[in-house]
Amino acid sequence: MARPRKFQPEAVVEKAMEVFWEKGYAAATPQELGERMGLGRGSLYNTFESKHGLFEHALRHYLDHEAVKLLALLQRPGPVKQRLRALMLAIIEMDLSDPERRGCMAINTAIELAGRDASATKLAARMFDQTEAAFLAVLQEGQRTGELAAHQDAEALAALLLNTLTGLRVLGKTAEDATRLERIVDTVLKAL
């Protein structure tokens, strides 16, 4: 008869997410993961089958919790350009105030594992698709209300915003201050 679990899977996945987010997939050791999660190696493997299985759970947790919090900024009331700017400035502030400069776990995953790990690539791409879809919805709203020019290709602009956001997250890992990043945001928003 199997012993009942003495831990909350959601809580341990969040702790694993923190390790993978800080270190990346390759550098996160099973020992460190187990220590941070408060699990022995046996419990870790019995629950998640492998380090990779745990990583997939952690990345899904990031996508479903961390990324969603940021995209919620686009749902607030107010002018479209102000909401887009607020989202990007919030990300800049978050990245620059993080002493570990973790950036975005999905972007980090794409950089580390794309082309070598199909499931991780697919999960990271899912977040990029969700982000682009959120940008597209806001841009189309702006076109309907007349805040943005209706003749512009909203899908192309959504892709531009995704690319800008991705670049900001990468640059945020090394930027000393927000000046350059804010200039990028303002320039892109003028193009809308």
C-alpha atoms as a PDB file:
ATOM      1  CA  MET A   1       0.000   0.000   0.000  1.00  0.00           C
ATOM      2  CA  ALA A   2       1.390   3.393  -1.011  1.00  0.00           C
ATOM      3  CA  ARG A   3       2.074   5.945   1.689  1.00  0.00           C
ATOM      4  CA  PRO A   4       0.086   9.178   1.397  1.00  0.00           C
ATOM      5  CA  ARG A   5       1.989  12.240   0.242  1.00  0.00           C
ATOM      6  CA  LYS A   6       2.990  14.595   3.031  1.00  0.00           C
ATOM      7  CA  PHE A   7       3.436  17.657   0.838  1.00  0.00           C
ATOM      8  CA  GLN A   8       1.387  19.937  -1.368  1.00  0.00           C
ATOM      9  CA  PRO A   9       2.371  19.324  -5.019  1.00  0.00           C
ATOM     10  CA  GLU A  10       1.581  22.940  -6.005  1.00  0.00           C
ATOM     11  CA  ALA A  11       3.858  24.313  -3.285  1.00  0.00           C
ATOM     12  CA  VAL A  12       6.786  22.069  -4.176  1.00  0.00           C
ATOM     13  CA  VAL A  13       6.374  22.806  -7.887  1.00  0.00           C
ATOM     14  CA  GLU A  14       6.584  26.507  -7.092  1.00  0.00           C
ATOM     15  CA  LYS A  15       9.825  25.930  -5.185  1.00  0.00           C
ATOM     16  CA  ALA A  16      11.193  23.927  -8.097  1.00  0.00           C
ATOM     17  CA  MET A  17      10.145  26.733 -10.446  1.00  0.00           C
ATOM     18  CA  GLU A  18      12.268  29.145  -8.418  1.00  0.00           C
ATOM     19  CA  VAL A  19      15.335  26.897  -8.755  1.00  0.00           C
ATOM     20  CA  PHE A  20      14.898  26.398 -12.496  1.00  0.00           C
ATOM     21  CA  TRP A  21      14.167  30.115 -12.974  1.00  0.00           C
ATOM     22  CA  GLU A  22      17.337  31.080 -11.114  1.00  0.00           C
ATOM     23  CA  LYS A  23      19.672  28.470 -12.590  1.00  0.00           C
ATOM     24  CA  GLY A  24      18.161  27.150 -15.801  1.00  0.00           C
ATOM     25  CA  TYR A  25      17.436  23.521 -16.547  1.00  0.00           C
ATOM     26  CA  ALA A  26      20.961  22.152 -16.923  1.00  0.00           C
ATOM     27  CA  ALA A  27      22.450  23.837 -13.853  1.00  0.00           C
ATOM     28  CA  ALA A  28      19.630  22.847 -11.472  1.00  0.00           C
ATOM     29  CA  THR A  29      20.750  19.664  -9.740  1.00  0.00           C
ATOM     30  CA  PRO A  30      18.346  17.039  -8.374  1.00  0.00           C
ATOM     31  CA  GLN A  31      19.988  17.475  -4.970  1.00  0.00           C
ATOM     32  CA  GLU A  32      19.377  21.233  -4.932  1.00  0.00           C
ATOM     33  CA  LEU A  33      15.831  20.762  -6.197  1.00  0.00           C
ATOM     34  CA  GLY A  34      15.102  18.207  -3.471  1.00  0.00           C
ATOM     35  CA  GLU A  35      16.600  20.397  -0.767  1.00  0.00           C
ATOM     36  CA  ARG A  36      14.665  23.491  -1.855  1.00  0.00           C
ATOM     37  CA  MET A  37      11.456  21.493  -2.218  1.00  0.00           C
ATOM     38  CA  GLY A  38      11.936  19.673   1.077  1.00  0.00           C
ATOM     39  CA  LEU A  39      11.765  16.284  -0.656  1.00  0.00           C
ATOM     40  CA  GLY A  40      14.074  13.335  -0.746  1.00  0.00           C
ATOM     41  CA  ARG A  41      15.282  12.111  -4.110  1.00  0.00           C
ATOM     42  CA  GLY A  42      12.870   9.165  -3.973  1.00  0.00           C
ATOM     43  CA  SER A  43       9.838  11.385  -3.395  1.00  0.00           C
ATOM     44  CA  LEU A  44      10.950  13.719  -6.148  1.00  0.00           C
ATOM     45  CA  TYR A  45      11.239  10.900  -8.688  1.00  0.00           C
ATOM     46  CA  ASN A  46       8.133   9.028  -7.465  1.00  0.00           C
ATOM     47  CA  THR A  47       6.054  12.179  -7.877  1.00  0.00           C
ATOM     48  CA  PHE A  48       7.535  13.723 -11.009  1.00  0.00           C
ATOM     49  CA  GLU A  49       9.292  10.704 -12.620  1.00  0.00           C
ATOM     50  CA  SER A  50      12.362  12.712 -13.640  1.00  0.00           C
ATOM     51  CA  LYS A  51      14.085  16.058 -13.418  1.00  0.00           C
ATOM     52  CA  HIS A  52      12.633  16.826 -16.842  1.00  0.00           C
ATOM     53  CA  GLY A  53       9.122  15.947 -15.683  1.00  0.00           C
ATOM     54  CA  LEU A  54       9.539  18.286 -12.725  1.00  0.00           C
ATOM     55  CA  PHE A  55      10.863  20.996 -15.052  1.00  0.00           C
ATOM     56  CA  GLU A  56       7.779  20.727 -17.251  1.00  0.00           C
ATOM     57  CA  HIS A  57       5.539  21.087 -14.194  1.00  0.00           C
ATOM     58  CA  ALA A  58       7.581  24.095 -13.036  1.00  0.00           C
ATOM     59  CA  LEU A  59       7.450  25.770 -16.450  1.00  0.00           C
ATOM     60  CA  ARG A  60       3.678  25.210 -16.682  1.00  0.00           C
ATOM     61  CA  HIS A  61       3.346  26.730 -13.209  1.00  0.00           C
ATOM     62  CA  TYR A  62       5.322  29.775 -14.376  1.00  0.00           C
ATOM     63  CA  LEU A  63       3.125  30.164 -17.453  1.00  0.00           C
ATOM     64  CA  ASP A  64      -0.119  29.724 -15.540  1.00  0.00           C
ATOM     65  CA  HIS A  65       0.774  31.975 -12.596  1.00  0.00           C
ATOM     66  CA  GLU A  66       3.664  34.371 -13.159  1.00  0.00           C
ATOM     67  CA  ALA A  67       3.033  35.246 -16.814  1.00  0.00           C
ATOM     68  CA  VAL A  68      -0.712  35.627 -16.281  1.00  0.00           C
ATOM     69  CA  LYS A  69      -0.142  38.231 -13.554  1.00  0.00           C
ATOM     70  CA  LEU A  70       1.734  40.473 -15.966  1.00  0.00           C
ATOM     71  CA  LEU A  71      -0.722  40.097 -18.820  1.00  0.00           C
ATOM     72  CA  ALA A  72      -3.520  41.096 -16.440  1.00  0.00           C
ATOM     73  CA  LEU A  73      -2.109  44.631 -16.639  1.00  0.00           C
ATOM     74  CA  LEU A  74      -3.454  44.789 -20.180  1.00  0.00           C
ATOM     75  CA  GLN A  75      -6.989  44.148 -18.926  1.00  0.00           C
ATOM     76  CA  ARG A  76      -7.137  47.253 -16.760  1.00  0.00           C
ATOM     77  CA  PRO A  77      -9.265  50.174 -17.888  1.00  0.00           C
ATOM     78  CA  GLY A  78      -7.686  53.092 -19.679  1.00  0.00           C
ATOM     79  CA  PRO A  79      -6.173  54.056 -22.997  1.00  0.00           C
ATOM     80  CA  VAL A  80      -4.509  51.229 -24.920  1.00  0.00           C
ATOM     81  CA  LYS A  81      -1.098  52.867 -25.241  1.00  0.00           C
ATOM     82  CA  GLN A  82      -1.029  53.637 -21.529  1.00  0.00           C
ATOM     83  CA  ARG A  83      -1.796  49.999 -20.691  1.00  0.00           C
ATOM     84  CA  LEU A  84       0.878  48.728 -23.056  1.00  0.00           C
ATOM     85  CA  ARG A  85       3.390  51.173 -21.599  1.00  0.00           C
ATOM     86  CA  ALA A  86       2.389  50.227 -18.036  1.00  0.00           C
ATOM     87  CA  LEU A  87       2.976  46.542 -18.793  1.00  0.00           C
ATOM     88  CA  MET A  88       6.388  47.131 -20.318  1.00  0.00           C
ATOM     89  CA  LEU A  89       7.501  49.528 -17.583  1.00  0.00           C
ATOM     90  CA  ALA A  90       6.342  47.070 -14.914  1.00  0.00           C
ATOM     91  CA  ILE A  91       8.457  44.367 -16.544  1.00  0.00           C
ATOM     92  CA  ILE A  92      11.474  46.675 -16.748  1.00  0.00           C
ATOM     93  CA  GLU A  93      11.080  47.564 -13.075  1.00  0.00           C
ATOM     94  CA  MET A  94      10.650  43.927 -12.079  1.00  0.00           C
ATOM     95  CA  ASP A  95      13.703  42.816 -14.042  1.00  0.00           C
ATOM     96  CA  LEU A  96      15.967  45.633 -12.862  1.00  0.00           C
ATOM     97  CA  SER A  97      14.946  45.239  -9.225  1.00  0.00           C
ATOM     98  CA  ASP A  98      15.637  41.486  -9.230  1.00  0.00           C
ATOM     99  CA  PRO A  99      19.139  41.061  -7.771  1.00  0.00           C
ATOM    100  CA  GLU A 100      19.510  37.727  -9.577  1.00  0.00           C
ATOM    101  CA  ARG A 101      18.354  39.144 -12.933  1.00  0.00           C
ATOM    102  CA  ARG A 102      16.350  36.023 -13.690  1.00  0.00           C
ATOM    103  CA  GLY A 103      14.371  37.628 -16.500  1.00  0.00           C
ATOM    104  CA  CYS A 104      11.583  35.525 -17.966  1.00  0.00           C
ATOM    105  CA  MET A 105      11.641  31.780 -17.374  1.00  0.00           C
ATOM    106  CA  ALA A 106      10.006  31.059 -20.745  1.00  0.00           C
ATOM    107  CA  ILE A 107      12.536  33.186 -22.628  1.00  0.00           C
ATOM    108  CA  ASN A 108      15.371  31.615 -20.640  1.00  0.00           C
ATOM    109  CA  THR A 109      13.999  28.183 -21.536  1.00  0.00           C
ATOM    110  CA  ALA A 110      13.773  29.053 -25.230  1.00  0.00           C
ATOM    111  CA  ILE A 111      17.365  30.296 -25.214  1.00  0.00           C
ATOM    112  CA  GLU A 112      18.671  27.266 -23.324  1.00  0.00           C
ATOM    113  CA  LEU A 113      16.594  24.426 -24.759  1.00  0.00           C
ATOM    114  CA  ALA A 114      14.919  25.376 -28.057  1.00  0.00           C
ATOM    115  CA  GLY A 115      15.824  22.958 -30.795  1.00  0.00           C
ATOM    116  CA  ARG A 116      17.006  20.345 -28.286  1.00  0.00           C
ATOM    117  CA  ASP A 117      13.925  19.782 -26.137  1.00  0.00           C
ATOM    118  CA  ALA A 118      10.619  19.650 -28.000  1.00  0.00           C
ATOM    119  CA  SER A 119       8.325  19.735 -24.956  1.00  0.00           C
ATOM    120  CA  ALA A 120      10.118  22.682 -23.320  1.00  0.00           C
ATOM    121  CA  THR A 121      10.159  24.512 -26.654  1.00  0.00           C
ATOM    122  CA  LYS A 122       6.428  23.919 -27.040  1.00  0.00           C
ATOM    123  CA  LEU A 123       5.690  25.243 -23.538  1.00  0.00           C
ATOM    124  CA  ALA A 124       7.779  28.384 -24.095  1.00  0.00           C
ATOM    125  CA  ALA A 125       6.114  28.918 -27.473  1.00  0.00           C
ATOM    126  CA  ARG A 126       2.727  28.617 -25.748  1.00  0.00           C
ATOM    127  CA  MET A 127       3.590  31.589 -23.554  1.00  0.00           C
ATOM    128  CA  PHE A 128       4.807  33.607 -26.534  1.00  0.00           C
ATOM    129  CA  ASP A 129       1.562  32.809 -28.364  1.00  0.00           C
ATOM    130  CA  GLN A 130      -0.544  33.819 -25.338  1.00  0.00           C
ATOM    131  CA  THR A 131       1.360  37.073 -24.986  1.00  0.00           C
ATOM    132  CA  GLU A 132       1.029  37.893 -28.670  1.00  0.00           C
ATOM    133  CA  ALA A 133      -2.714  37.089 -28.534  1.00  0.00           C
ATOM    134  CA  ALA A 134      -3.116  39.429 -25.546  1.00  0.00           C
ATOM    135  CA  PHE A 135      -1.304  42.184 -27.451  1.00  0.00           C
ATOM    136  CA  LEU A 136      -3.471  41.557 -30.509  1.00  0.00           C
ATOM    137  CA  ALA A 137      -6.689  41.839 -28.475  1.00  0.00           C
ATOM    138  CA  VAL A 138      -5.607  45.161 -26.957  1.00  0.00           C
ATOM    139  CA  LEU A 139      -4.483  46.530 -30.336  1.00  0.00           C
ATOM    140  CA  GLN A 140      -7.767  45.540 -31.970  1.00  0.00           C
ATOM    141  CA  GLU A 141      -9.609  47.224 -29.106  1.00  0.00           C
ATOM    142  CA  GLY A 142      -7.604  50.393 -29.765  1.00  0.00           C
ATOM    143  CA  GLN A 143      -8.472  50.206 -33.449  1.00  0.00           C
ATOM    144  CA  ARG A 144     -12.193  49.790 -32.658  1.00  0.00           C
ATOM    145  CA  THR A 145     -12.189  52.787 -30.304  1.00  0.00           C
ATOM    146  CA  GLY A 146     -10.179  54.943 -32.709  1.00  0.00           C
ATOM    147  CA  GLU A 147      -7.168  55.280 -30.422  1.00  0.00           C
ATOM    148  CA  LEU A 148      -5.030  53.416 -32.970  1.00  0.00           C
ATOM    149  CA  ALA A 149      -5.122  53.679 -36.749  1.00  0.00           C
ATOM    150  CA  ALA A 150      -7.449  51.043 -38.176  1.00  0.00           C
ATOM    151  CA  HIS A 151      -5.393  50.629 -41.377  1.00  0.00           C
ATOM    152  CA  GLN A 152      -2.360  49.190 -39.577  1.00  0.00           C
ATOM    153  CA  ASP A 153      -1.850  45.418 -39.490  1.00  0.00           C
ATOM    154  CA  ALA A 154      -2.757  44.555 -35.884  1.00  0.00           C
ATOM    155  CA  GLU A 155      -1.231  41.068 -36.156  1.00  0.00           C
ATOM    156  CA  ALA A 156       2.107  42.477 -37.314  1.00  0.00           C
ATOM    157  CA  LEU A 157       2.030  45.061 -34.514  1.00  0.00           C
ATOM    158  CA  ALA A 158       1.271  42.352 -31.950  1.00  0.00           C
ATOM    159  CA  ALA A 159       4.305  40.414 -33.211  1.00  0.00           C
ATOM    160  CA  LEU A 160       6.391  43.607 -32.960  1.00  0.00           C
ATOM    161  CA  LEU A 161       5.263  44.104 -29.354  1.00  0.00           C
ATOM    162  CA  LEU A 162       6.105  40.482 -28.508  1.00  0.00           C
ATOM    163  CA  ASN A 163       9.536  40.922 -30.047  1.00  0.00           C
ATOM    164  CA  THR A 164      10.025  44.174 -28.133  1.00  0.00           C
ATOM    165  CA  LEU A 165       8.973  42.597 -24.858  1.00  0.00           C
ATOM    166  CA  THR A 166      11.276  39.631 -25.430  1.00  0.00           C
ATOM    167  CA  GLY A 167      14.167  41.962 -26.194  1.00  0.00           C
ATOM    168  CA  LEU A 168      13.449  44.049 -23.098  1.00  0.00           C
ATOM    169  CA  ARG A 169      13.559  40.925 -20.935  1.00  0.00           C
ATOM    170  CA  VAL A 170      16.928  39.902 -22.365  1.00  0.00           C
ATOM    171  CA  LEU A 171      18.415  43.411 -22.170  1.00  0.00           C
ATOM    172  CA  GLY A 172      17.065  43.729 -18.634  1.00  0.00           C
ATOM    173  CA  LYS A 173      19.486  41.019 -17.549  1.00  0.00           C
ATOM    174  CA  THR A 174      22.442  43.366 -18.128  1.00  0.00           C
ATOM    175  CA  ALA A 175      21.037  46.916 -18.075  1.00  0.00           C
ATOM    176  CA  GLU A 176      22.392  49.198 -15.384  1.00  0.00           C
ATOM    177  CA  ASP A 177      19.324  51.430 -15.408  1.00  0.00           C
ATOM    178  CA  ALA A 178      15.986  51.792 -17.167  1.00  0.00           C
ATOM    179  CA  THR A 179      16.852  54.685 -19.501  1.00  0.00           C
ATOM    180  CA  ARG A 180      17.698  52.667 -22.618  1.00  0.00           C
ATOM    181  CA  LEU A 181      14.811  50.241 -22.055  1.00  0.00           C
ATOM    182  CA  GLU A 182      12.247  53.014 -21.555  1.00  0.00           C
ATOM    183  CA  ARG A 183      13.478  54.713 -24.734  1.00  0.00           C
ATOM    184  CA  ILE A 184      12.811  51.474 -26.634  1.00  0.00           C
ATOM    185  CA  VAL A 185       9.280  51.263 -25.197  1.00  0.00           C
ATOM    186  CA  ASP A 186       8.478  54.870 -26.095  1.00  0.00           C
ATOM    187  CA  THR A 187       9.825  54.474 -29.639  1.00  0.00           C
ATOM    188  CA  VAL A 188       7.794  51.316 -30.283  1.00  0.00           C
ATOM    189  CA  LEU A 189       4.606  52.860 -28.886  1.00  0.00           C
ATOM    190  CA  LYS A 190       5.013  55.875 -31.201  1.00  0.00           C
ATOM    191  CA  ALA A 191       4.863  53.444 -34.128  1.00  0.00           C
ATOM    192  CA  LEU A 192       1.378  52.275 -33.157  1.00  0.00           C
END
